[in-house]
Amino acid sequence: MKYLGITLFLLACLGIGALLGSLFLRGKPKPLHPAGAEVRPIAGEIPQIRGLHSSLTLASPLDQWQARAKHDAQLGATWLTVDAPAAAFDAPASASALAQIAKTAHDASLKLILIADIKPYQSLNMDNPSQGPSPALPPHLQALQPLLSAAGAAGIDVLALDPHMGETEPADDAWSAFLPAVKTLCKIPLCYVSDYSAYARVTWWSQVDYIGIRGPIPLTTSPDADLHKLQMSLRSRLDVLSTLNWPDTKPVLLLDLAYTGPAPRSDLSYHAAVTITRGQPWLGGLFLRPGTPEQEAIIQSEWKTTSAATTTAPATRPATAP
C-alpha cells in the first residue's frame, strides 16, 4: 500500500505538470517564421540592378563612401545610391563631391544612381519648356541647371528626378516637354520617380529611360502574417505593375521599397521583397533601405549567393525599341 500511494502521488504530479505545460504553450504566441519552418522557394533570376540606400550625403567624407561601396558590393548590390536635394548643387563643392563618389562607385565595379529631390521646384513656371538650352532658360531649367551640369560632368549612370508629388501626381502635358529639355542639358539616362499610389496617372513615361516607383507599398494587415502570406501580398501588388502598358524597353525600378504594416514584420517584409521580385522580366531593379543587421543578412543571402548566376553588367541605358 505504501508503494501504491507513492506511485499514485507521482502520477498525479505528472498529470498536473502536463496540464500546466499545455496551458502555457497554448497561451504562448506562435512565432511569425519559426526556425526550421519551410520557406517556399521562388524561381527566377534576381533583378540585375540592385542598390541600397544609406544615410550618407554629398558632404560625407570620401572614405565613408569608399567603405559604403565595399559594403554594398559585399551584400550583392550592383549599384551605389546617392540621395540628395537638387538645391544642394547650388554649392560648387557638391559637384566635386558627386564626381568623387562616381569614381568611387566605378572603381568598385558599381554603377551610380543619383536620386534628386526636385520638390521645391514644382511651383516654378513650366511653360514653354521646349525652349531648350539658351541664355534665357525657363525658370524650372535655370533652377535645375547646377544639378544637371554636375550630374553630366560626374559621369553618373542614371539621374532619377523625384518630385515627391504623392497622390497629387499631375497628369500635366508640360512634363512631356520638360523631360526632353532636361535630357538636352544632361545627356545621361533619366528616370522619373512616382509614388506607388499615383503611377497610373503619369502620362510621360515614354520621355524617360527608366520608370521609377517609390513606396510605401501596402502589405497585409494580418497581425500574424508569415513569410508566405507576405510574399503573396507583395506578389499581388507587383502583378498589377507588371500588367500595365509600360513603354517598350523601359525597365521599372522599385526605388526605396518601403511598406505599410506593423514594425515586427519588417524583417519578414525584406525577405518577401528579395524573394518575390525574382523572375520578373519587366522589373529592371530593386532598391532597399535596410535598417538592421538582420535585414542586411537577408539581402546578402539572396543577392550575394545568387548574383553569380545573373548577368553581372547591367546596361546603363535600355535598348531602343524598334
C-alpha atoms as a PDB file:
ATOM      1  CA  MET A   1       0.000   0.000   0.000  1.00  0.00           C
ATOM      2  CA  LYS A   2       2.866   2.322   0.811  1.00  0.00           C
ATOM      3  CA  TYR A   3       4.368   1.978  -2.687  1.00  0.00           C
ATOM      4  CA  LEU A   4       0.939   2.223  -4.314  1.00  0.00           C
ATOM      5  CA  GLY A   5       0.367   5.586  -2.599  1.00  0.00           C
ATOM      6  CA  ILE A   6       3.736   6.917  -3.749  1.00  0.00           C
ATOM      7  CA  THR A   7       3.019   5.746  -7.299  1.00  0.00           C
ATOM      8  CA  LEU A   8      -0.388   7.463  -7.350  1.00  0.00           C
ATOM      9  CA  PHE A   9       1.174  10.656  -5.986  1.00  0.00           C
ATOM     10  CA  LEU A  10       3.832  10.702  -8.726  1.00  0.00           C
ATOM     11  CA  LEU A  11       1.259  10.071 -11.449  1.00  0.00           C
ATOM     12  CA  ALA A  12      -0.855  12.916 -10.118  1.00  0.00           C
ATOM     13  CA  CYS A  13       2.166  15.248 -10.208  1.00  0.00           C
ATOM     14  CA  LEU A  14       2.945  14.238 -13.771  1.00  0.00           C
ATOM     15  CA  GLY A  15      -0.657  14.873 -14.806  1.00  0.00           C
ATOM     16  CA  ILE A  16      -0.723  18.323 -13.229  1.00  0.00           C
ATOM     17  CA  GLY A  17       2.617  19.179 -14.831  1.00  0.00           C
ATOM     18  CA  ALA A  18       1.386  18.133 -18.260  1.00  0.00           C
ATOM     19  CA  LEU A  19      -1.767  20.191 -17.857  1.00  0.00           C
ATOM     20  CA  LEU A  20       0.136  23.306 -16.810  1.00  0.00           C
ATOM     21  CA  GLY A  21       2.598  22.830 -19.678  1.00  0.00           C
ATOM     22  CA  SER A  22      -0.179  22.597 -22.266  1.00  0.00           C
ATOM     23  CA  LEU A  23      -1.832  25.724 -20.887  1.00  0.00           C
ATOM     24  CA  PHE A  24       1.490  27.599 -21.077  1.00  0.00           C
ATOM     25  CA  LEU A  25       2.155  26.568 -24.657  1.00  0.00           C
ATOM     26  CA  ARG A  26      -1.411  27.339 -25.690  1.00  0.00           C
ATOM     27  CA  GLY A  27      -1.096  30.885 -24.393  1.00  0.00           C
ATOM     28  CA  LYS A  28       2.325  31.490 -25.944  1.00  0.00           C
ATOM     29  CA  PRO A  29       2.111  33.355 -29.305  1.00  0.00           C
ATOM     30  CA  LYS A  30       3.357  31.472 -32.349  1.00  0.00           C
ATOM     31  CA  PRO A  31       6.491  32.892 -33.979  1.00  0.00           C
ATOM     32  CA  LEU A  32       5.874  34.539 -37.341  1.00  0.00           C
ATOM     33  CA  HIS A  33       8.546  32.463 -39.042  1.00  0.00           C
ATOM     34  CA  PRO A  34       9.574  29.540 -36.759  1.00  0.00           C
ATOM     35  CA  ALA A  35      13.081  28.180 -37.035  1.00  0.00           C
ATOM     36  CA  GLY A  36      13.112  25.250 -39.405  1.00  0.00           C
ATOM     37  CA  ALA A  37       9.774  26.200 -40.987  1.00  0.00           C
ATOM     38  CA  GLU A  38       9.518  25.592 -44.705  1.00  0.00           C
ATOM     39  CA  VAL A  39      10.343  28.611 -46.874  1.00  0.00           C
ATOM     40  CA  ARG A  40       8.772  28.213 -50.266  1.00  0.00           C
ATOM     41  CA  PRO A  41      11.436  28.865 -52.915  1.00  0.00           C
ATOM     42  CA  ILE A  42      10.810  31.466 -55.604  1.00  0.00           C
ATOM     43  CA  ALA A  43      12.182  30.619 -59.044  1.00  0.00           C
ATOM     44  CA  GLY A  44      13.865  33.003 -61.435  1.00  0.00           C
ATOM     45  CA  GLU A  45      16.762  35.425 -61.530  1.00  0.00           C
ATOM     46  CA  ILE A  46      17.181  38.352 -59.187  1.00  0.00           C
ATOM     47  CA  PRO A  47      16.970  41.867 -60.719  1.00  0.00           C
ATOM     48  CA  GLN A  48      20.188  42.947 -62.404  1.00  0.00           C
ATOM     49  CA  ILE A  49      20.043  46.447 -60.891  1.00  0.00           C
ATOM     50  CA  ARG A  50      20.289  46.178 -57.111  1.00  0.00           C
ATOM     51  CA  GLY A  51      21.033  49.013 -54.710  1.00  0.00           C
ATOM     52  CA  LEU A  52      20.830  50.077 -51.066  1.00  0.00           C
ATOM     53  CA  HIS A  53      20.018  53.485 -49.636  1.00  0.00           C
ATOM     54  CA  SER A  54      22.213  54.864 -46.867  1.00  0.00           C
ATOM     55  CA  SER A  55      22.412  57.874 -44.564  1.00  0.00           C
ATOM     56  CA  LEU A  56      25.491  59.249 -46.351  1.00  0.00           C
ATOM     57  CA  THR A  57      25.251  62.656 -48.011  1.00  0.00           C
ATOM     58  CA  LEU A  58      27.284  64.634 -50.529  1.00  0.00           C
ATOM     59  CA  ALA A  59      29.076  66.186 -47.540  1.00  0.00           C
ATOM     60  CA  SER A  60      30.125  62.818 -46.096  1.00  0.00           C
ATOM     61  CA  PRO A  61      33.894  62.109 -46.169  1.00  0.00           C
ATOM     62  CA  LEU A  62      35.106  60.208 -49.209  1.00  0.00           C
ATOM     63  CA  ASP A  63      36.472  57.355 -47.099  1.00  0.00           C
ATOM     64  CA  GLN A  64      32.941  56.729 -45.820  1.00  0.00           C
ATOM     65  CA  TRP A  65      31.672  56.468 -49.386  1.00  0.00           C
ATOM     66  CA  GLN A  66      34.527  54.101 -50.223  1.00  0.00           C
ATOM     67  CA  ALA A  67      33.600  51.920 -47.248  1.00  0.00           C
ATOM     68  CA  ARG A  68      29.950  52.088 -48.280  1.00  0.00           C
ATOM     69  CA  ALA A  69      30.711  50.981 -51.827  1.00  0.00           C
ATOM     70  CA  LYS A  70      32.654  47.991 -50.500  1.00  0.00           C
ATOM     71  CA  HIS A  71      29.888  47.193 -48.009  1.00  0.00           C
ATOM     72  CA  ASP A  72      27.111  47.317 -50.624  1.00  0.00           C
ATOM     73  CA  ALA A  73      29.087  45.183 -53.080  1.00  0.00           C
ATOM     74  CA  GLN A  74      29.599  42.571 -50.363  1.00  0.00           C
ATOM     75  CA  LEU A  75      25.830  42.409 -49.871  1.00  0.00           C
ATOM     76  CA  GLY A  76      25.326  41.775 -53.588  1.00  0.00           C
ATOM     77  CA  ALA A  77      24.428  45.281 -54.763  1.00  0.00           C
ATOM     78  CA  THR A  78      25.378  46.276 -58.303  1.00  0.00           C
ATOM     79  CA  TRP A  79      24.645  49.999 -57.947  1.00  0.00           C
ATOM     80  CA  LEU A  80      25.644  52.670 -55.442  1.00  0.00           C
ATOM     81  CA  THR A  81      22.887  55.111 -54.462  1.00  0.00           C
ATOM     82  CA  VAL A  82      23.148  58.838 -53.716  1.00  0.00           C
ATOM     83  CA  ASP A  83      20.087  60.641 -52.347  1.00  0.00           C
ATOM     84  CA  ALA A  84      20.354  64.433 -52.485  1.00  0.00           C
ATOM     85  CA  PRO A  85      18.151  67.527 -52.811  1.00  0.00           C
ATOM     86  CA  ALA A  86      18.581  69.303 -56.119  1.00  0.00           C
ATOM     87  CA  ALA A  87      19.253  72.533 -54.233  1.00  0.00           C
ATOM     88  CA  ALA A  88      22.456  71.043 -52.813  1.00  0.00           C
ATOM     89  CA  PHE A  89      24.123  71.528 -56.189  1.00  0.00           C
ATOM     90  CA  ASP A  90      23.858  75.283 -55.906  1.00  0.00           C
ATOM     91  CA  ALA A  91      27.090  74.874 -53.908  1.00  0.00           C
ATOM     92  CA  PRO A  92      30.077  74.157 -56.228  1.00  0.00           C
ATOM     93  CA  ALA A  93      31.548  71.718 -53.714  1.00  0.00           C
ATOM     94  CA  SER A  94      28.623  69.333 -54.338  1.00  0.00           C
ATOM     95  CA  ALA A  95      29.586  68.853 -57.978  1.00  0.00           C
ATOM     96  CA  SER A  96      33.127  67.910 -56.972  1.00  0.00           C
ATOM     97  CA  ALA A  97      31.808  65.548 -54.291  1.00  0.00           C
ATOM     98  CA  LEU A  98      29.479  63.824 -56.780  1.00  0.00           C
ATOM     99  CA  ALA A  99      32.363  63.292 -59.211  1.00  0.00           C
ATOM    100  CA  GLN A 100      34.437  61.655 -56.447  1.00  0.00           C
ATOM    101  CA  ILE A 101      31.527  59.435 -55.426  1.00  0.00           C
ATOM    102  CA  ALA A 102      31.007  58.386 -59.052  1.00  0.00           C
ATOM    103  CA  LYS A 103      34.679  57.439 -59.339  1.00  0.00           C
ATOM    104  CA  THR A 104      34.416  55.505 -56.060  1.00  0.00           C
ATOM    105  CA  ALA A 105      31.444  53.555 -57.381  1.00  0.00           C
ATOM    106  CA  HIS A 106      33.073  52.755 -60.704  1.00  0.00           C
ATOM    107  CA  ASP A 107      36.345  51.736 -59.026  1.00  0.00           C
ATOM    108  CA  ALA A 108      34.270  49.227 -57.023  1.00  0.00           C
ATOM    109  CA  SER A 109      32.652  47.943 -60.268  1.00  0.00           C
ATOM    110  CA  LEU A 110      29.339  49.528 -59.283  1.00  0.00           C
ATOM    111  CA  LYS A 111      27.071  51.828 -61.272  1.00  0.00           C
ATOM    112  CA  LEU A 112      25.873  55.079 -59.681  1.00  0.00           C
ATOM    113  CA  ILE A 113      22.329  56.437 -59.495  1.00  0.00           C
ATOM    114  CA  LEU A 114      21.609  59.924 -58.169  1.00  0.00           C
ATOM    115  CA  ILE A 115      18.075  60.281 -56.801  1.00  0.00           C
ATOM    116  CA  ALA A 116      17.445  64.022 -56.720  1.00  0.00           C
ATOM    117  CA  ASP A 117      14.606  65.580 -54.746  1.00  0.00           C
ATOM    118  CA  ILE A 118      13.172  68.305 -57.006  1.00  0.00           C
ATOM    119  CA  LYS A 119      10.028  69.009 -54.969  1.00  0.00           C
ATOM    120  CA  PRO A 120      10.983  72.646 -54.182  1.00  0.00           C
ATOM    121  CA  TYR A 121      10.892  73.426 -57.903  1.00  0.00           C
ATOM    122  CA  GLN A 122       7.335  72.208 -58.527  1.00  0.00           C
ATOM    123  CA  SER A 123       5.938  75.715 -58.080  1.00  0.00           C
ATOM    124  CA  LEU A 124       8.129  77.154 -60.832  1.00  0.00           C
ATOM    125  CA  ASN A 125       6.590  78.054 -64.132  1.00  0.00           C
ATOM    126  CA  MET A 126       6.874  75.124 -66.567  1.00  0.00           C
ATOM    127  CA  ASP A 127       5.504  76.959 -69.600  1.00  0.00           C
ATOM    128  CA  ASN A 128       7.463  76.648 -72.826  1.00  0.00           C
ATOM    129  CA  PRO A 129       9.947  74.022 -71.558  1.00  0.00           C
ATOM    130  CA  SER A 130      10.864  73.047 -75.124  1.00  0.00           C
ATOM    131  CA  GLN A 131      12.808  76.277 -75.422  1.00  0.00           C
ATOM    132  CA  GLY A 132      15.921  74.248 -74.609  1.00  0.00           C
ATOM    133  CA  PRO A 133      19.344  75.500 -73.544  1.00  0.00           C
ATOM    134  CA  SER A 134      19.805  79.177 -74.224  1.00  0.00           C
ATOM    135  CA  PRO A 135      20.929  82.321 -72.368  1.00  0.00           C
ATOM    136  CA  ALA A 136      17.318  82.714 -71.226  1.00  0.00           C
ATOM    137  CA  LEU A 137      16.342  79.283 -69.906  1.00  0.00           C
ATOM    138  CA  PRO A 138      12.827  78.823 -68.481  1.00  0.00           C
ATOM    139  CA  PRO A 139      12.757  79.199 -64.669  1.00  0.00           C
ATOM    140  CA  HIS A 140      12.484  75.465 -63.933  1.00  0.00           C
ATOM    141  CA  LEU A 141      15.503  74.646 -66.098  1.00  0.00           C
ATOM    142  CA  GLN A 142      17.502  77.536 -64.692  1.00  0.00           C
ATOM    143  CA  ALA A 143      16.854  76.173 -61.184  1.00  0.00           C
ATOM    144  CA  LEU A 144      17.931  72.657 -62.122  1.00  0.00           C
ATOM    145  CA  GLN A 145      20.920  73.593 -64.267  1.00  0.00           C
ATOM    146  CA  PRO A 146      23.507  73.222 -61.424  1.00  0.00           C
ATOM    147  CA  LEU A 147      22.174  69.704 -60.735  1.00  0.00           C
ATOM    148  CA  LEU A 148      22.150  68.742 -64.410  1.00  0.00           C
ATOM    149  CA  SER A 149      25.633  70.123 -65.034  1.00  0.00           C
ATOM    150  CA  ALA A 150      27.050  68.295 -62.009  1.00  0.00           C
ATOM    151  CA  ALA A 151      25.386  65.006 -62.973  1.00  0.00           C
ATOM    152  CA  GLY A 152      26.699  65.205 -66.532  1.00  0.00           C
ATOM    153  CA  ALA A 153      30.218  66.153 -65.522  1.00  0.00           C
ATOM    154  CA  ALA A 154      30.437  63.452 -62.845  1.00  0.00           C
ATOM    155  CA  GLY A 155      29.640  60.674 -65.285  1.00  0.00           C
ATOM    156  CA  ILE A 156      26.861  59.103 -63.220  1.00  0.00           C
ATOM    157  CA  ASP A 157      24.895  56.286 -64.800  1.00  0.00           C
ATOM    158  CA  VAL A 158      21.294  57.354 -64.084  1.00  0.00           C
ATOM    159  CA  LEU A 159      19.711  60.576 -62.833  1.00  0.00           C
ATOM    160  CA  ALA A 160      16.372  60.000 -61.076  1.00  0.00           C
ATOM    161  CA  LEU A 161      14.150  63.063 -60.648  1.00  0.00           C
ATOM    162  CA  ASP A 162      11.806  62.688 -57.677  1.00  0.00           C
ATOM    163  CA  PRO A 163       9.200  65.469 -57.334  1.00  0.00           C
ATOM    164  CA  HIS A 164       7.591  63.802 -54.259  1.00  0.00           C
ATOM    165  CA  MET A 165       4.160  64.515 -55.624  1.00  0.00           C
ATOM    166  CA  GLY A 166       2.410  61.700 -53.742  1.00  0.00           C
ATOM    167  CA  GLU A 167      -1.232  61.206 -54.579  1.00  0.00           C
ATOM    168  CA  THR A 168      -1.326  64.673 -56.202  1.00  0.00           C
ATOM    169  CA  GLU A 169       0.711  63.447 -59.190  1.00  0.00           C
ATOM    170  CA  PRO A 170      -0.385  65.735 -62.039  1.00  0.00           C
ATOM    171  CA  ALA A 171      -1.332  64.454 -65.473  1.00  0.00           C
ATOM    172  CA  ASP A 172       0.311  67.530 -66.958  1.00  0.00           C
ATOM    173  CA  ASP A 173       1.441  67.582 -70.568  1.00  0.00           C
ATOM    174  CA  ALA A 174       4.125  70.086 -69.590  1.00  0.00           C
ATOM    175  CA  TRP A 175       6.203  67.219 -68.194  1.00  0.00           C
ATOM    176  CA  SER A 176       6.245  65.562 -71.626  1.00  0.00           C
ATOM    177  CA  ALA A 177       8.100  68.597 -72.979  1.00  0.00           C
ATOM    178  CA  PHE A 178      10.076  69.355 -69.817  1.00  0.00           C
ATOM    179  CA  LEU A 179      11.820  65.983 -69.600  1.00  0.00           C
ATOM    180  CA  PRO A 180      13.275  66.043 -73.152  1.00  0.00           C
ATOM    181  CA  ALA A 181      14.578  69.537 -72.390  1.00  0.00           C
ATOM    182  CA  VAL A 182      16.279  68.148 -69.284  1.00  0.00           C
ATOM    183  CA  LYS A 183      17.885  65.398 -71.368  1.00  0.00           C
ATOM    184  CA  THR A 184      19.158  68.017 -73.794  1.00  0.00           C
ATOM    185  CA  LEU A 185      21.046  69.675 -70.944  1.00  0.00           C
ATOM    186  CA  CYS A 186      22.149  66.435 -69.295  1.00  0.00           C
ATOM    187  CA  LYS A 187      22.895  63.654 -71.741  1.00  0.00           C
ATOM    188  CA  ILE A 188      22.657  60.715 -69.333  1.00  0.00           C
ATOM    189  CA  PRO A 189      19.857  58.169 -68.816  1.00  0.00           C
ATOM    190  CA  LEU A 190      16.932  59.729 -66.996  1.00  0.00           C
ATOM    191  CA  CYS A 191      14.434  58.274 -64.528  1.00  0.00           C
ATOM    192  CA  TYR A 192      11.214  59.862 -63.305  1.00  0.00           C
ATOM    193  CA  VAL A 193      10.047  58.754 -59.842  1.00  0.00           C
ATOM    194  CA  SER A 194       6.376  58.358 -58.956  1.00  0.00           C
ATOM    195  CA  ASP A 195       4.686  57.196 -55.764  1.00  0.00           C
ATOM    196  CA  TYR A 196       3.159  53.717 -55.879  1.00  0.00           C
ATOM    197  CA  SER A 197      -0.224  55.345 -55.217  1.00  0.00           C
ATOM    198  CA  ALA A 198      -0.041  57.537 -58.326  1.00  0.00           C
ATOM    199  CA  TYR A 199       1.995  55.833 -61.074  1.00  0.00           C
ATOM    200  CA  ALA A 200      -1.080  55.077 -63.168  1.00  0.00           C
ATOM    201  CA  ARG A 201      -1.740  58.817 -63.597  1.00  0.00           C
ATOM    202  CA  VAL A 202       1.668  59.566 -65.096  1.00  0.00           C
ATOM    203  CA  THR A 203       1.422  60.140 -68.845  1.00  0.00           C
ATOM    204  CA  TRP A 204       5.047  60.870 -69.715  1.00  0.00           C
ATOM    205  CA  TRP A 205       6.842  57.565 -69.120  1.00  0.00           C
ATOM    206  CA  SER A 206       7.849  57.462 -72.782  1.00  0.00           C
ATOM    207  CA  GLN A 207      10.063  60.525 -72.193  1.00  0.00           C
ATOM    208  CA  VAL A 208      12.419  58.789 -69.742  1.00  0.00           C
ATOM    209  CA  ASP A 209      14.757  55.817 -69.867  1.00  0.00           C
ATOM    210  CA  TYR A 210      13.735  54.247 -66.544  1.00  0.00           C
ATOM    211  CA  ILE A 211      10.396  54.136 -64.741  1.00  0.00           C
ATOM    212  CA  GLY A 212      10.844  54.801 -61.027  1.00  0.00           C
ATOM    213  CA  ILE A 213       8.271  53.603 -58.466  1.00  0.00           C
ATOM    214  CA  ARG A 214       8.649  54.531 -54.805  1.00  0.00           C
ATOM    215  CA  GLY A 215       6.835  53.073 -51.783  1.00  0.00           C
ATOM    216  CA  PRO A 216       5.245  52.677 -49.408  1.00  0.00           C
ATOM    217  CA  ILE A 217       3.527  49.625 -50.816  1.00  0.00           C
ATOM    218  CA  PRO A 218       0.673  48.347 -48.624  1.00  0.00           C
ATOM    219  CA  LEU A 219       1.025  44.780 -47.400  1.00  0.00           C
ATOM    220  CA  THR A 220      -1.376  42.595 -45.464  1.00  0.00           C
ATOM    221  CA  THR A 221      -2.710  43.960 -42.191  1.00  0.00           C
ATOM    222  CA  SER A 222      -2.914  40.493 -40.645  1.00  0.00           C
ATOM    223  CA  PRO A 223      -1.064  40.569 -37.277  1.00  0.00           C
ATOM    224  CA  ASP A 224       0.219  37.015 -37.673  1.00  0.00           C
ATOM    225  CA  ALA A 225       1.210  37.036 -41.356  1.00  0.00           C
ATOM    226  CA  ASP A 226       4.015  34.603 -42.113  1.00  0.00           C
ATOM    227  CA  LEU A 227       6.558  34.866 -44.912  1.00  0.00           C
ATOM    228  CA  HIS A 228       4.357  33.119 -47.460  1.00  0.00           C
ATOM    229  CA  LYS A 229       1.415  35.455 -46.809  1.00  0.00           C
ATOM    230  CA  LEU A 230       3.671  38.489 -47.172  1.00  0.00           C
ATOM    231  CA  GLN A 231       5.114  37.095 -50.392  1.00  0.00           C
ATOM    232  CA  MET A 232       1.650  36.568 -51.847  1.00  0.00           C
ATOM    233  CA  SER A 233       0.524  40.048 -50.766  1.00  0.00           C
ATOM    234  CA  LEU A 234       3.541  41.675 -52.425  1.00  0.00           C
ATOM    235  CA  ARG A 235       3.133  39.459 -55.487  1.00  0.00           C
ATOM    236  CA  SER A 236      -0.426  40.770 -55.953  1.00  0.00           C
ATOM    237  CA  ARG A 237       0.896  44.361 -55.912  1.00  0.00           C
ATOM    238  CA  LEU A 238       3.671  43.549 -58.375  1.00  0.00           C
ATOM    239  CA  ASP A 239       1.241  41.723 -60.657  1.00  0.00           C
ATOM    240  CA  VAL A 240      -0.660  44.993 -61.064  1.00  0.00           C
ATOM    241  CA  LEU A 241       2.556  46.776 -62.048  1.00  0.00           C
ATOM    242  CA  SER A 242       3.507  44.024 -64.482  1.00  0.00           C
ATOM    243  CA  THR A 243       0.234  44.234 -66.403  1.00  0.00           C
ATOM    244  CA  LEU A 244       0.321  47.975 -67.032  1.00  0.00           C
ATOM    245  CA  ASN A 245       1.065  49.162 -70.535  1.00  0.00           C
ATOM    246  CA  TRP A 246       4.614  50.372 -69.857  1.00  0.00           C
ATOM    247  CA  PRO A 247       6.500  51.794 -72.843  1.00  0.00           C
ATOM    248  CA  ASP A 248       8.622  49.162 -74.566  1.00  0.00           C
ATOM    249  CA  THR A 249      12.172  48.686 -73.245  1.00  0.00           C
ATOM    250  CA  LYS A 250      11.558  50.913 -70.213  1.00  0.00           C
ATOM    251  CA  PRO A 251      12.847  48.993 -67.176  1.00  0.00           C
ATOM    252  CA  VAL A 252      10.919  49.571 -63.964  1.00  0.00           C
ATOM    253  CA  LEU A 253      12.997  50.430 -60.890  1.00  0.00           C
ATOM    254  CA  LEU A 254      11.408  49.873 -57.484  1.00  0.00           C
ATOM    255  CA  LEU A 255      13.089  52.657 -55.527  1.00  0.00           C
ATOM    256  CA  ASP A 256      13.029  52.832 -51.728  1.00  0.00           C
ATOM    257  CA  LEU A 257      10.660  49.886 -51.446  1.00  0.00           C
ATOM    258  CA  ALA A 258       9.039  50.706 -48.103  1.00  0.00           C
ATOM    259  CA  TYR A 259       5.915  49.057 -46.708  1.00  0.00           C
ATOM    260  CA  THR A 260       2.929  49.931 -44.592  1.00  0.00           C
ATOM    261  CA  GLY A 261       2.349  47.481 -41.785  1.00  0.00           C
ATOM    262  CA  PRO A 262       3.354  46.623 -38.217  1.00  0.00           C
ATOM    263  CA  ALA A 263       7.060  47.012 -37.422  1.00  0.00           C
ATOM    264  CA  PRO A 264       7.565  43.445 -36.068  1.00  0.00           C
ATOM    265  CA  ARG A 265       7.195  42.126 -39.618  1.00  0.00           C
ATOM    266  CA  SER A 266       9.877  44.362 -41.108  1.00  0.00           C
ATOM    267  CA  ASP A 267      12.462  41.574 -41.412  1.00  0.00           C
ATOM    268  CA  LEU A 268       9.891  39.278 -42.989  1.00  0.00           C
ATOM    269  CA  SER A 269       8.903  42.069 -45.374  1.00  0.00           C
ATOM    270  CA  TYR A 270      12.503  42.344 -46.552  1.00  0.00           C
ATOM    271  CA  HIS A 271      12.652  38.589 -47.008  1.00  0.00           C
ATOM    272  CA  ALA A 272       9.437  38.756 -49.039  1.00  0.00           C
ATOM    273  CA  ALA A 273      10.816  41.597 -51.182  1.00  0.00           C
ATOM    274  CA  VAL A 274      14.108  39.967 -52.118  1.00  0.00           C
ATOM    275  CA  THR A 275      12.462  36.641 -52.923  1.00  0.00           C
ATOM    276  CA  ILE A 276       9.225  37.639 -54.661  1.00  0.00           C
ATOM    277  CA  THR A 277      10.996  40.044 -57.024  1.00  0.00           C
ATOM    278  CA  ARG A 278      12.765  37.095 -58.638  1.00  0.00           C
ATOM    279  CA  GLY A 279      11.814  36.077 -62.133  1.00  0.00           C
ATOM    280  CA  GLN A 280      10.052  39.348 -63.073  1.00  0.00           C
ATOM    281  CA  PRO A 281      11.222  40.180 -66.638  1.00  0.00           C
ATOM    282  CA  TRP A 282       9.598  43.639 -66.521  1.00  0.00           C
ATOM    283  CA  LEU A 283      11.460  44.567 -63.326  1.00  0.00           C
ATOM    284  CA  GLY A 284      14.770  46.270 -64.025  1.00  0.00           C
ATOM    285  CA  GLY A 285      15.908  46.978 -60.483  1.00  0.00           C
ATOM    286  CA  LEU A 286      15.233  46.896 -56.756  1.00  0.00           C
ATOM    287  CA  PHE A 287      16.500  49.395 -54.175  1.00  0.00           C
ATOM    288  CA  LEU A 288      16.086  48.759 -50.450  1.00  0.00           C
ATOM    289  CA  ARG A 289      16.761  50.662 -47.239  1.00  0.00           C
ATOM    290  CA  PRO A 290      17.843  48.074 -44.640  1.00  0.00           C
ATOM    291  CA  GLY A 291      17.816  49.300 -41.062  1.00  0.00           C
ATOM    292  CA  THR A 292      19.089  46.304 -39.119  1.00  0.00           C
ATOM    293  CA  PRO A 293      21.885  43.705 -39.429  1.00  0.00           C
ATOM    294  CA  GLU A 294      19.176  41.062 -39.767  1.00  0.00           C
ATOM    295  CA  GLN A 295      17.742  42.792 -42.827  1.00  0.00           C
ATOM    296  CA  GLU A 296      21.209  43.096 -44.372  1.00  0.00           C
ATOM    297  CA  ALA A 297      21.792  39.382 -43.758  1.00  0.00           C
ATOM    298  CA  ILE A 298      18.526  38.567 -45.550  1.00  0.00           C
ATOM    299  CA  ILE A 299      19.538  40.717 -48.518  1.00  0.00           C
ATOM    300  CA  GLN A 300      23.005  39.200 -48.683  1.00  0.00           C
ATOM    301  CA  SER A 301      21.658  35.651 -48.529  1.00  0.00           C
ATOM    302  CA  GLU A 302      19.510  36.294 -51.591  1.00  0.00           C
ATOM    303  CA  TRP A 303      21.628  38.727 -53.612  1.00  0.00           C
ATOM    304  CA  LYS A 304      25.185  37.639 -52.980  1.00  0.00           C
ATOM    305  CA  THR A 305      24.730  33.884 -53.182  1.00  0.00           C
ATOM    306  CA  THR A 306      22.755  34.026 -56.429  1.00  0.00           C
ATOM    307  CA  SER A 307      24.294  37.001 -58.223  1.00  0.00           C
ATOM    308  CA  ALA A 308      26.879  34.785 -59.933  1.00  0.00           C
ATOM    309  CA  ALA A 309      24.052  33.198 -61.921  1.00  0.00           C
ATOM    310  CA  THR A 310      22.849  36.528 -63.306  1.00  0.00           C
ATOM    311  CA  THR A 311      24.315  38.887 -65.844  1.00  0.00           C
ATOM    312  CA  THR A 312      26.978  40.829 -63.979  1.00  0.00           C
ATOM    313  CA  ALA A 313      26.995  44.020 -66.070  1.00  0.00           C
ATOM    314  CA  PRO A 314      23.553  45.644 -66.337  1.00  0.00           C
ATOM    315  CA  ALA A 315      23.233  48.096 -69.194  1.00  0.00           C
ATOM    316  CA  THR A 316      23.454  51.773 -68.377  1.00  0.00           C
ATOM    317  CA  ARG A 317      20.753  52.525 -70.918  1.00  0.00           C
ATOM    318  CA  PRO A 318      17.910  50.256 -72.064  1.00  0.00           C
ATOM    319  CA  ALA A 319      17.807  49.125 -75.657  1.00  0.00           C
ATOM    320  CA  THR A 320      16.000  51.298 -78.156  1.00  0.00           C
ATOM    321  CA  ALA A 321      12.634  49.998 -79.262  1.00  0.00           C
ATOM    322  CA  PRO A 322      12.402  49.151 -82.940  1.00  0.00           C
END
